[in-house]
Amino acid sequence: MKRDSRAFLSDVIEAGHAIQQAVAGINLDLYCNNRLIRSSIEREFTIIGEALNQLLSETRVVLPRSIRHHRSSAFATSSPTSTPSSTTDWSGASSRTTCLLFSSSATSS
């Protein structure tokens, strides 16, 4: 039995609220040094991505090429063999690596 499209949208909203709660009152340093917080936030983003992918496949929306390309690079899942394709593509980077890079760029500014 197919899920109603509204259920996917509800998943996105609930995951967004969970992210807001997880980051409320924390700074980048705490986020980067707390694996539990990072993992929970990453899981919620995964839920958002999966719900949007299901919604797109259920509604059979055909996206313009420029949006398809942006969507594929922004929501790409990393695999053990994936590597970032450029310096701005973070799809293959771990959250810890991303934190270290953001932290070092913030201190060098």
C-alpha atoms as a PDB file:
ATOM      1  CA  MET A   1       0.000   0.000   0.000  1.00  0.00           C
ATOM      2  CA  LYS A   2       1.414   3.370  -1.029  1.00  0.00           C
ATOM      3  CA  ARG A   3       1.908   6.079   1.545  1.00  0.00           C
ATOM      4  CA  ASP A   4      -0.004   9.305   1.121  1.00  0.00           C
ATOM      5  CA  SER A   5       2.194  12.177  -0.106  1.00  0.00           C
ATOM      6  CA  ARG A   6       1.258  14.098   3.011  1.00  0.00           C
ATOM      7  CA  ALA A   7       2.985  11.439   5.112  1.00  0.00           C
ATOM      8  CA  PHE A   8       6.294  12.162   3.350  1.00  0.00           C
ATOM      9  CA  LEU A   9       5.819  15.887   3.923  1.00  0.00           C
ATOM     10  CA  SER A  10       5.067  15.181   7.564  1.00  0.00           C
ATOM     11  CA  ASP A  11       8.333  13.211   7.811  1.00  0.00           C
ATOM     12  CA  VAL A  12      10.222  16.224   6.417  1.00  0.00           C
ATOM     13  CA  ILE A  13       8.566  18.612   8.880  1.00  0.00           C
ATOM     14  CA  GLU A  14       9.143  16.327  11.872  1.00  0.00           C
ATOM     15  CA  ALA A  15      12.798  15.817  10.945  1.00  0.00           C
ATOM     16  CA  GLY A  16      13.247  19.572  10.542  1.00  0.00           C
ATOM     17  CA  HIS A  17      11.792  20.142  14.005  1.00  0.00           C
ATOM     18  CA  ALA A  18      14.106  17.476  15.437  1.00  0.00           C
ATOM     19  CA  ILE A  19      17.099  19.259  13.885  1.00  0.00           C
ATOM     20  CA  GLN A  20      15.967  22.561  15.374  1.00  0.00           C
ATOM     21  CA  GLN A  21      15.716  20.960  18.812  1.00  0.00           C
ATOM     22  CA  ALA A  22      19.098  19.251  18.475  1.00  0.00           C
ATOM     23  CA  VAL A  23      20.952  22.475  17.604  1.00  0.00           C
ATOM     24  CA  ALA A  24      19.090  24.814  19.947  1.00  0.00           C
ATOM     25  CA  GLY A  25      21.578  26.495  22.237  1.00  0.00           C
ATOM     26  CA  ILE A  26      24.710  24.800  20.914  1.00  0.00           C
ATOM     27  CA  ASN A  27      27.650  26.294  19.068  1.00  0.00           C
ATOM     28  CA  LEU A  28      29.836  24.885  16.293  1.00  0.00           C
ATOM     29  CA  ASP A  29      32.482  23.693  18.751  1.00  0.00           C
ATOM     30  CA  LEU A  30      29.986  21.654  20.775  1.00  0.00           C
ATOM     31  CA  TYR A  31      28.423  20.275  17.591  1.00  0.00           C
ATOM     32  CA  CYS A  32      31.813  19.228  16.225  1.00  0.00           C
ATOM     33  CA  ASN A  33      32.933  17.606  19.466  1.00  0.00           C
ATOM     34  CA  ASN A  34      29.738  15.708  20.216  1.00  0.00           C
ATOM     35  CA  ARG A  35      29.305  12.668  18.010  1.00  0.00           C
ATOM     36  CA  LEU A  36      25.832  11.957  19.397  1.00  0.00           C
ATOM     37  CA  ILE A  37      24.542  15.379  18.321  1.00  0.00           C
ATOM     38  CA  ARG A  38      26.200  15.120  14.887  1.00  0.00           C
ATOM     39  CA  SER A  39      24.805  11.629  14.333  1.00  0.00           C
ATOM     40  CA  SER A  40      21.290  12.593  15.302  1.00  0.00           C
ATOM     41  CA  ILE A  41      21.311  15.611  13.007  1.00  0.00           C
ATOM     42  CA  GLU A  42      22.754  13.607  10.118  1.00  0.00           C
ATOM     43  CA  ARG A  43      20.058  10.969  10.620  1.00  0.00           C
ATOM     44  CA  GLU A  44      17.331  13.599  10.424  1.00  0.00           C
ATOM     45  CA  PHE A  45      18.816  14.966   7.185  1.00  0.00           C
ATOM     46  CA  THR A  46      18.839  11.411   5.842  1.00  0.00           C
ATOM     47  CA  ILE A  47      15.156  11.097   6.707  1.00  0.00           C
ATOM     48  CA  ILE A  48      14.460  14.372   4.894  1.00  0.00           C
ATOM     49  CA  GLY A  49      16.354  13.218   1.809  1.00  0.00           C
ATOM     50  CA  GLU A  50      14.648   9.829   1.730  1.00  0.00           C
ATOM     51  CA  ALA A  51      11.193  11.377   2.179  1.00  0.00           C
ATOM     52  CA  LEU A  52      11.794  13.900  -0.606  1.00  0.00           C
ATOM     53  CA  ASN A  53      13.120  11.195  -2.923  1.00  0.00           C
ATOM     54  CA  GLN A  54      10.053   9.054  -2.248  1.00  0.00           C
ATOM     55  CA  LEU A  55       7.783  12.039  -2.756  1.00  0.00           C
ATOM     56  CA  LEU A  56       9.424  12.837  -6.084  1.00  0.00           C
ATOM     57  CA  SER A  57       9.173   9.245  -7.273  1.00  0.00           C
ATOM     58  CA  GLU A  58       5.546   8.944  -6.128  1.00  0.00           C
ATOM     59  CA  THR A  59       4.477  12.147  -7.830  1.00  0.00           C
ATOM     60  CA  ARG A  60       6.605  11.414 -10.886  1.00  0.00           C
ATOM     61  CA  VAL A  61       7.791  14.990 -11.062  1.00  0.00           C
ATOM     62  CA  VAL A  62      10.381  15.586 -13.750  1.00  0.00           C
ATOM     63  CA  LEU A  63      12.888  18.137 -12.553  1.00  0.00           C
ATOM     64  CA  PRO A  64      14.818  20.446 -14.883  1.00  0.00           C
ATOM     65  CA  ARG A  65      18.375  19.265 -15.576  1.00  0.00           C
ATOM     66  CA  SER A  66      19.994  22.037 -13.507  1.00  0.00           C
ATOM     67  CA  ILE A  67      17.963  21.072 -10.426  1.00  0.00           C
ATOM     68  CA  ARG A  68      18.600  17.337 -10.929  1.00  0.00           C
ATOM     69  CA  HIS A  69      22.350  17.978 -10.976  1.00  0.00           C
ATOM     70  CA  HIS A  70      22.238  20.191  -7.868  1.00  0.00           C
ATOM     71  CA  ARG A  71      19.999  17.698  -6.051  1.00  0.00           C
ATOM     72  CA  SER A  72      22.265  14.762  -6.828  1.00  0.00           C
ATOM     73  CA  SER A  73      25.377  16.513  -5.536  1.00  0.00           C
ATOM     74  CA  ALA A  74      23.685  18.024  -2.483  1.00  0.00           C
ATOM     75  CA  PHE A  75      22.002  14.857  -1.258  1.00  0.00           C
ATOM     76  CA  ALA A  76      24.481  12.242  -2.438  1.00  0.00           C
ATOM     77  CA  THR A  77      25.123   9.516   0.054  1.00  0.00           C
ATOM     78  CA  SER A  78      28.705   8.657   0.691  1.00  0.00           C
ATOM     79  CA  SER A  79      30.008   5.186   0.146  1.00  0.00           C
ATOM     80  CA  PRO A  80      33.310   3.697   1.261  1.00  0.00           C
ATOM     81  CA  THR A  81      34.750   4.418  -2.177  1.00  0.00           C
ATOM     82  CA  SER A  82      33.278   7.888  -2.711  1.00  0.00           C
ATOM     83  CA  THR A  83      35.456  10.949  -2.652  1.00  0.00           C
ATOM     84  CA  PRO A  84      34.540  14.578  -3.044  1.00  0.00           C
ATOM     85  CA  SER A  85      34.613  15.556  -6.715  1.00  0.00           C
ATOM     86  CA  SER A  86      35.736  19.113  -5.999  1.00  0.00           C
ATOM     87  CA  THR A  87      36.709  21.301  -3.084  1.00  0.00           C
ATOM     88  CA  THR A  88      33.100  22.432  -2.610  1.00  0.00           C
ATOM     89  CA  ASP A  89      31.417  19.025  -2.872  1.00  0.00           C
ATOM     90  CA  TRP A  90      31.004  17.723   0.674  1.00  0.00           C
ATOM     91  CA  SER A  91      29.058  14.581  -0.220  1.00  0.00           C
ATOM     92  CA  GLY A  92      32.003  12.278   0.439  1.00  0.00           C
ATOM     93  CA  ALA A  93      33.270  14.018   3.570  1.00  0.00           C
ATOM     94  CA  SER A  94      32.454  12.862   7.053  1.00  0.00           C
ATOM     95  CA  SER A  95      30.783  15.314   9.404  1.00  0.00           C
ATOM     96  CA  ARG A  96      33.919  15.335  11.567  1.00  0.00           C
ATOM     97  CA  THR A  97      36.049  16.321   8.566  1.00  0.00           C
ATOM     98  CA  THR A  98      33.546  19.011   7.667  1.00  0.00           C
ATOM     99  CA  CYS A  99      33.670  20.374  11.235  1.00  0.00           C
ATOM    100  CA  LEU A 100      37.446  20.498  11.179  1.00  0.00           C
ATOM    101  CA  LEU A 101      37.441  22.352   7.871  1.00  0.00           C
ATOM    102  CA  PHE A 102      34.811  24.841   8.995  1.00  0.00           C
ATOM    103  CA  SER A 103      36.571  25.378  12.307  1.00  0.00           C
ATOM    104  CA  SER A 104      39.907  26.069  10.659  1.00  0.00           C
ATOM    105  CA  SER A 105      38.375  28.461   8.115  1.00  0.00           C
ATOM    106  CA  ALA A 106      36.568  30.319  10.909  1.00  0.00           C
ATOM    107  CA  THR A 107      39.775  30.793  12.910  1.00  0.00           C
ATOM    108  CA  SER A 108      41.807  31.903   9.877  1.00  0.00           C
ATOM    109  CA  SER A 109      39.351  34.689   8.954  1.00  0.00           C
END
